[in-house]
Amino acid sequence: MTMTIGRRALGAAALMPLLPAPALAQAYPSRPITLLVGFAPGGGTDIIARFLAPALQEEFGQAIAVENRPGASGTLAVLALSRARPDGYTMLMTTISASAVVPPLMSPPPFDIHRDQTAVVHAATVPLVCVVPANSPSRTLPDLLERARQKPGDLNYSSSGVATQQHLAAELLASQAGVRMTHVPFRGTGQAVNEILAGRIDLAIDTFPTYLPHIRSGAVRALAVTMPERVEWLPETPTVAELGFPGFDAVVWYMMMAPPGIPQPIADRWVAAVNKAYRNQELRRRIVDAGFLVGGGTQQQAAAMLRNDAERYSALVRNANIRLD
């Protein structure tokens, strides 16, 4: 499948107008752009895409339609991108799980994480936060882990799919704590949020932008954050590391991706557009207020992030014996 996709991408690239690089960049875009999101509305990937879309639309002078295509832990949208014409009119807002962690676990892999997608620019990073329903008897993370220890498999936790960061973070915590909990995957974070708000899920380890409004409203209780240091949004909330798990570190990054074979001038336009958007202080404030760490940077840095975390999390998946059935 990978070779077929690669030939299709190269063939599509050959059909593009043979313009000099400056002229190609200047002519682009001349029609609306589709920005794919591999998860249902309400999750972090969808949130950052919709934060950036208006600024990118203004910069490009064309409509940008955010199109949600949930399923298969976000990989359906990546697969759609890999098959798209590499002309910059189909782009993807992706996340670490869909583009770096989940695909190699599938049999067969739906695409090659390095050959069938092109990292363009880092969009944002978020820490994860451990939350429980407001009526949970667990007031602290040690309390919850003790409940799990007393009744192995009785407590459950949610995620937006197998091998997503939510799943990996919870499995990493359970492994280090020596407890067993039941994984309940959903097709998107929005569904998982509804279930924990209703009290039917015991624990979620999910992105800050997703749960920060519910934490502030009191609908859920924050027990810990997953970065090595406390975060500015919840300075009184301890880290998992300081609660007895030294070195615990789990974050989610979001990245703008293009189909393989995208012309470099068009990729450069996207890098420049995202970095320009982040120079707007009002947009930066809104993104930070929502719980994101602002991204940006070079295409080379984005590619290195994809490569390095693919290697890091493949080791974690092997050690945790996580499989896609």
Protein backbone atom coordinates (compact mmCIF):
# COMPACT_ATOMS: atom_id res chain seq x y z
CA MET A 1 0.00 0.00 0.00
CA THR A 2 2.78 2.43 0.90
CA MET A 3 4.47 2.14 -2.49
CA THR A 4 1.17 2.64 -4.29
CA ILE A 5 0.46 5.78 -2.31
CA GLY A 6 3.95 7.08 -2.98
CA ARG A 7 3.61 6.58 -6.76
CA ARG A 8 0.20 8.26 -6.73
CA ALA A 9 1.65 11.25 -4.88
CA LEU A 10 4.58 11.58 -7.25
CA GLY A 11 2.30 11.29 -10.24
CA ALA A 12 0.05 14.01 -8.89
CA ALA A 13 3.01 16.25 -8.26
CA ALA A 14 4.12 15.83 -11.86
CA LEU A 15 0.76 17.16 -13.06
CA MET A 16 1.18 20.48 -11.24
CA PRO A 17 2.00 23.56 -13.29
CA LEU A 18 5.69 23.77 -14.07
CA LEU A 19 6.17 27.18 -12.55
CA PRO A 20 9.35 28.65 -11.05
CA ALA A 21 9.33 28.39 -7.25
CA PRO A 22 8.56 32.08 -6.56
CA ALA A 23 5.72 32.08 -9.11
CA LEU A 24 4.28 28.85 -7.70
CA ALA A 25 4.22 30.27 -4.18
CA GLN A 26 2.71 33.54 -5.39
CA ALA A 27 -0.05 31.81 -7.35
CA TYR A 28 -1.05 29.66 -4.37
CA PRO A 29 -3.80 29.47 -3.19
CA SER A 30 -6.37 30.28 -5.85
CA ARG A 31 -9.32 28.36 -4.35
CA PRO A 32 -10.62 27.15 -0.94
CA ILE A 33 -8.52 24.84 1.22
CA THR A 34 -9.68 21.81 3.22
CA LEU A 35 -8.07 21.30 6.64
CA LEU A 36 -8.71 17.73 7.80
CA VAL A 37 -9.03 16.81 11.49
CA GLY A 38 -8.97 13.14 12.45
CA PHE A 39 -11.16 13.45 15.53
CA ALA A 40 -14.67 14.56 16.37
CA PRO A 41 -15.33 18.20 17.34
CA GLY A 42 -14.41 19.16 20.89
CA GLY A 43 -10.97 17.58 21.23
CA GLY A 44 -7.60 19.30 21.24
CA THR A 45 -6.86 18.65 17.56
CA ASP A 46 -10.15 20.23 16.53
CA ILE A 47 -9.70 23.16 18.93
CA ILE A 48 -6.25 24.20 17.66
CA ALA A 49 -7.36 23.79 14.03
CA ARG A 50 -10.29 26.13 14.59
CA PHE A 51 -8.14 28.64 16.48
CA LEU A 52 -5.71 28.85 13.56
CA ALA A 53 -8.15 28.63 10.65
CA PRO A 54 -9.37 32.27 10.69
CA ALA A 55 -5.81 33.66 10.82
CA LEU A 56 -4.68 31.35 8.01
CA GLN A 57 -7.77 32.22 5.99
CA GLU A 58 -6.94 35.91 6.29
CA GLU A 59 -3.32 35.31 5.33
CA PHE A 60 -4.13 33.14 2.29
CA GLY A 61 -7.19 35.10 1.16
CA GLN A 62 -9.15 31.88 0.67
CA ALA A 63 -11.74 30.00 2.73
CA ILE A 64 -10.35 27.23 4.94
CA ALA A 65 -12.90 24.54 5.76
CA VAL A 66 -12.14 22.44 8.85
CA GLU A 67 -13.42 18.96 8.05
CA ASN A 68 -13.71 16.37 10.86
CA ARG A 69 -13.05 12.77 9.77
CA PRO A 70 -12.92 10.76 13.01
CA GLY A 71 -12.09 7.10 13.24
CA ALA A 72 -9.27 4.59 13.81
CA SER A 73 -7.58 6.77 16.44
CA GLY A 74 -7.23 9.63 13.97
CA THR A 75 -5.51 7.62 11.24
CA LEU A 76 -8.41 7.74 8.77
CA ALA A 77 -7.75 11.43 8.21
CA VAL A 78 -4.01 10.83 7.80
CA LEU A 79 -4.74 8.12 5.25
CA ALA A 80 -7.02 10.53 3.37
CA LEU A 81 -4.22 13.10 3.37
CA SER A 82 -1.70 10.57 2.07
CA ARG A 83 -3.97 9.94 -0.93
CA ALA A 84 -4.68 13.61 -1.63
CA ARG A 85 -3.16 15.57 -4.49
CA PRO A 86 -0.03 17.30 -3.11
CA ASP A 87 -1.02 20.79 -4.19
CA GLY A 88 -1.65 22.41 -0.79
CA TYR A 89 -5.44 22.36 -1.06
CA THR A 90 -5.81 19.42 1.34
CA MET A 91 -3.93 19.79 4.59
CA LEU A 92 -4.18 18.06 7.95
CA MET A 93 -4.07 19.10 11.58
CA THR A 94 -2.77 15.96 13.23
CA THR A 95 -1.52 14.79 16.57
CA ILE A 96 1.31 12.65 17.84
CA SER A 97 -0.84 9.55 18.22
CA ALA A 98 -2.40 9.56 14.75
CA SER A 99 0.80 10.39 12.89
CA ALA A 100 3.56 8.82 14.99
CA VAL A 101 2.28 6.15 17.38
CA VAL A 102 -0.81 4.29 16.16
CA PRO A 103 -0.07 3.48 12.47
CA PRO A 104 2.87 1.09 13.09
CA LEU A 105 0.62 -0.90 15.46
CA MET A 106 -1.93 -1.65 12.74
CA SER A 107 -1.70 -4.82 10.68
CA PRO A 108 -0.94 -3.95 8.01
CA PRO A 109 0.04 -0.32 8.69
CA PRO A 110 -2.31 1.93 6.69
CA PHE A 111 0.55 4.21 5.68
CA ASP A 112 4.23 4.81 6.33
CA ILE A 113 4.59 7.53 8.95
CA HIS A 114 7.66 9.00 7.25
CA ARG A 115 6.97 8.53 3.53
CA ASP A 116 3.21 9.09 3.30
CA GLN A 117 2.88 12.38 5.15
CA THR A 118 4.97 15.53 5.22
CA ALA A 119 5.57 17.35 8.49
CA VAL A 120 5.17 21.08 7.80
CA VAL A 121 5.07 23.03 11.06
CA HIS A 122 4.50 22.42 14.76
CA ALA A 123 1.12 23.90 15.70
CA ALA A 124 0.94 23.54 19.49
CA THR A 125 1.72 21.38 22.50
CA VAL A 126 -0.44 20.66 25.50
CA PRO A 127 0.17 18.93 28.79
CA LEU A 128 -2.28 16.30 29.92
CA VAL A 129 -4.33 16.53 33.09
CA CYS A 130 -5.74 13.70 35.21
CA VAL A 131 -9.41 14.39 35.98
CA VAL A 132 -12.22 12.59 37.76
CA PRO A 133 -15.96 13.36 37.93
CA ALA A 134 -16.98 16.01 40.44
CA ASN A 135 -18.74 13.36 42.56
CA SER A 136 -15.75 11.00 42.59
CA PRO A 137 -14.70 9.80 46.06
CA SER A 138 -11.06 10.28 45.01
CA ARG A 139 -9.78 13.66 46.17
CA THR A 140 -6.15 13.00 45.15
CA LEU A 141 -4.31 10.85 42.64
CA PRO A 142 -2.92 8.57 45.40
CA ASP A 143 -6.51 8.07 46.60
CA LEU A 144 -7.61 6.98 43.13
CA LEU A 145 -4.66 4.65 42.66
CA GLU A 146 -5.36 3.05 46.02
CA ARG A 147 -8.95 2.38 44.92
CA ALA A 148 -7.58 0.79 41.74
CA ARG A 149 -5.17 -1.28 43.80
CA GLN A 150 -7.93 -2.57 46.05
CA LYS A 151 -10.20 -3.54 43.13
CA PRO A 152 -8.08 -4.48 40.09
CA GLY A 153 -9.87 -3.72 36.82
CA ASP A 154 -12.89 -2.18 38.55
CA LEU A 155 -12.01 1.44 37.75
CA ASN A 156 -12.11 2.58 34.13
CA TYR A 157 -10.45 5.34 32.15
CA SER A 158 -11.32 6.90 28.81
CA SER A 159 -9.37 7.80 25.68
CA SER A 160 -10.09 8.91 22.13
CA GLY A 161 -8.72 5.63 20.76
CA VAL A 162 -6.28 2.79 21.28
CA ALA A 163 -2.64 3.95 21.53
CA THR A 164 -3.59 7.63 21.61
CA GLN A 165 -1.70 9.78 24.10
CA GLN A 166 -4.58 9.54 26.57
CA HIS A 167 -4.35 5.75 26.44
CA LEU A 168 -0.55 5.68 26.64
CA ALA A 169 -0.42 8.13 29.56
CA ALA A 170 -2.96 6.12 31.56
CA GLU A 171 -1.17 2.84 30.80
CA LEU A 172 2.15 4.39 31.79
CA LEU A 173 0.66 5.58 35.08
CA ALA A 174 -0.99 2.22 35.79
CA SER A 175 2.24 0.40 35.02
CA GLN A 176 4.33 2.59 37.28
CA ALA A 177 1.74 2.42 40.08
CA GLY A 178 1.32 -1.33 39.77
CA VAL A 179 -2.45 -1.17 39.28
CA ARG A 180 -4.89 -2.42 36.65
CA MET A 181 -7.71 -0.31 35.22
CA THR A 182 -10.10 -0.90 32.33
CA HIS A 183 -9.58 1.07 29.11
CA VAL A 184 -12.71 2.52 27.47
CA PRO A 185 -11.83 3.99 24.05
CA PHE A 186 -14.14 6.39 22.20
CA ARG A 187 -14.18 7.72 18.63
CA GLY A 188 -13.31 11.19 19.84
CA THR A 189 -12.56 13.19 22.95
CA GLY A 190 -15.98 14.85 22.90
CA GLN A 191 -17.71 11.53 23.62
CA ALA A 192 -15.28 10.76 26.43
CA VAL A 193 -15.92 14.16 28.01
CA ASN A 194 -19.67 13.57 28.03
CA GLU A 195 -19.19 10.22 29.76
CA ILE A 196 -16.97 11.56 32.52
CA LEU A 197 -19.27 14.54 33.07
CA ALA A 198 -22.10 12.02 33.51
CA GLY A 199 -20.01 10.10 36.06
CA ARG A 200 -19.80 6.91 33.99
CA ILE A 201 -16.00 7.14 33.57
CA ASP A 202 -13.75 7.08 36.65
CA LEU A 203 -10.65 8.75 35.20
CA ALA A 204 -9.47 10.61 32.12
CA ILE A 205 -5.94 11.73 31.35
CA ASP A 206 -6.56 14.16 28.56
CA THR A 207 -5.51 17.49 27.09
CA PHE A 208 -5.78 20.75 29.01
CA PRO A 209 -7.83 22.59 26.35
CA THR A 210 -10.44 19.83 26.48
CA TYR A 211 -10.95 19.83 30.23
CA LEU A 212 -9.87 23.29 31.42
CA PRO A 213 -13.39 24.81 31.08
CA HIS A 214 -14.87 21.88 33.00
CA ILE A 215 -12.19 22.14 35.69
CA ARG A 216 -12.91 25.85 36.06
CA SER A 217 -16.66 25.23 36.27
CA GLY A 218 -16.26 22.49 38.85
CA ALA A 219 -17.77 19.80 36.60
CA VAL A 220 -14.61 17.67 37.00
CA ARG A 221 -11.77 17.61 39.53
CA ALA A 222 -8.12 17.89 38.48
CA LEU A 223 -5.84 15.50 40.37
CA ALA A 224 -2.48 15.98 38.64
CA VAL A 225 -0.73 17.21 35.51
CA THR A 226 1.62 15.13 33.39
CA MET A 227 4.48 17.52 32.63
CA PRO A 228 7.57 17.44 34.88
CA GLU A 229 6.70 20.90 36.22
CA ARG A 230 3.42 22.47 37.32
CA VAL A 231 1.54 24.53 34.74
CA GLU A 232 0.47 28.15 34.92
CA TRP A 233 -3.22 27.38 34.41
CA LEU A 234 -3.47 25.26 37.57
CA PRO A 235 -0.51 26.20 39.78
CA GLU A 236 -1.97 24.42 42.82
CA THR A 237 -2.36 21.11 41.00
CA PRO A 238 0.62 18.78 41.57
CA THR A 239 2.47 16.88 38.88
CA VAL A 240 2.33 13.12 38.58
CA ALA A 241 6.10 13.15 39.03
CA GLU A 242 5.96 14.84 42.42
CA LEU A 243 3.29 12.41 43.63
CA GLY A 244 5.72 9.53 43.63
CA PHE A 245 6.51 8.90 39.97
CA PRO A 246 9.80 10.69 39.22
CA GLY A 247 10.40 11.46 35.55
CA PHE A 248 6.78 11.01 34.50
CA ASP A 249 6.32 13.14 31.38
CA ALA A 250 3.50 12.93 28.82
CA VAL A 251 2.38 15.68 26.45
CA VAL A 252 0.53 15.93 23.16
CA TRP A 253 1.77 17.88 20.17
CA TYR A 254 -0.28 19.01 17.20
CA MET A 255 1.24 19.48 13.76
CA MET A 256 0.27 20.78 10.35
CA MET A 257 0.83 18.04 7.79
CA ALA A 258 0.77 17.98 3.98
CA PRO A 259 0.53 15.13 1.48
CA PRO A 260 3.81 13.58 0.35
CA GLY A 261 5.35 15.39 -2.58
CA ILE A 262 4.03 18.87 -1.73
CA PRO A 263 6.14 21.48 -3.54
CA GLN A 264 8.59 23.16 -1.18
CA PRO A 265 7.39 26.71 -1.97
CA ILE A 266 3.87 25.80 -0.85
CA ALA A 267 5.14 24.12 2.32
CA ASP A 268 7.18 27.26 2.99
CA ARG A 269 4.02 29.37 2.64
CA TRP A 270 2.34 27.30 5.37
CA VAL A 271 5.33 27.55 7.69
CA ALA A 272 5.41 31.32 7.22
CA ALA A 273 1.63 31.64 7.64
CA VAL A 274 1.52 29.72 10.93
CA ASN A 275 4.49 31.63 12.35
CA LYS A 276 2.91 34.93 11.29
CA ALA A 277 -0.38 33.95 12.94
CA TYR A 278 1.45 33.33 16.20
CA ARG A 279 2.95 36.81 16.15
CA ASN A 280 -0.57 38.11 16.80
CA GLN A 281 -0.63 38.67 20.55
CA GLU A 282 -4.42 38.40 20.80
CA LEU A 283 -4.39 34.97 19.14
CA ARG A 284 -1.50 33.86 21.36
CA ARG A 285 -3.42 34.98 24.46
CA ARG A 286 -6.54 33.09 23.40
CA ILE A 287 -4.55 29.93 22.70
CA VAL A 288 -2.70 30.08 26.02
CA ASP A 289 -5.94 30.82 27.89
CA ALA A 290 -7.37 27.65 26.35
CA GLY A 291 -4.50 25.56 27.71
CA PHE A 292 -2.14 25.27 24.72
CA LEU A 293 1.57 26.00 24.51
CA VAL A 294 2.03 27.95 21.26
CA GLY A 295 3.94 26.18 18.47
CA GLY A 296 5.67 27.49 15.36
CA GLY A 297 9.27 27.08 14.20
CA THR A 298 10.80 25.55 11.09
CA GLN A 299 9.79 22.61 8.94
CA GLN A 300 13.03 20.88 9.92
CA GLN A 301 12.11 21.15 13.59
CA ALA A 302 8.66 19.67 12.90
CA ALA A 303 10.19 16.73 11.02
CA ALA A 304 12.62 16.07 13.88
CA MET A 305 9.75 16.13 16.39
CA LEU A 306 7.87 13.52 14.37
CA ARG A 307 10.93 11.31 13.98
CA ASN A 308 12.10 11.51 17.61
CA ASP A 309 8.72 10.88 19.22
CA ALA A 310 7.92 8.03 16.85
CA GLU A 311 11.04 6.30 18.17
CA ARG A 312 10.38 7.19 21.81
CA TYR A 313 6.79 5.99 21.89
CA SER A 314 7.41 2.83 19.91
CA ALA A 315 9.58 1.72 22.82
CA LEU A 316 6.82 2.62 25.31
CA VAL A 317 4.23 0.67 23.31
CA ARG A 318 6.46 -2.41 23.23
CA ASN A 319 7.13 -2.23 26.97
CA ALA A 320 3.42 -1.78 27.80
CA ASN A 321 2.48 -4.59 25.36
CA ILE A 322 -0.18 -2.38 23.73
CA ARG A 323 -1.76 -3.95 20.64
CA LEU A 324 -4.45 -3.13 18.16
CA ASP A 325 -6.81 -6.08 17.83
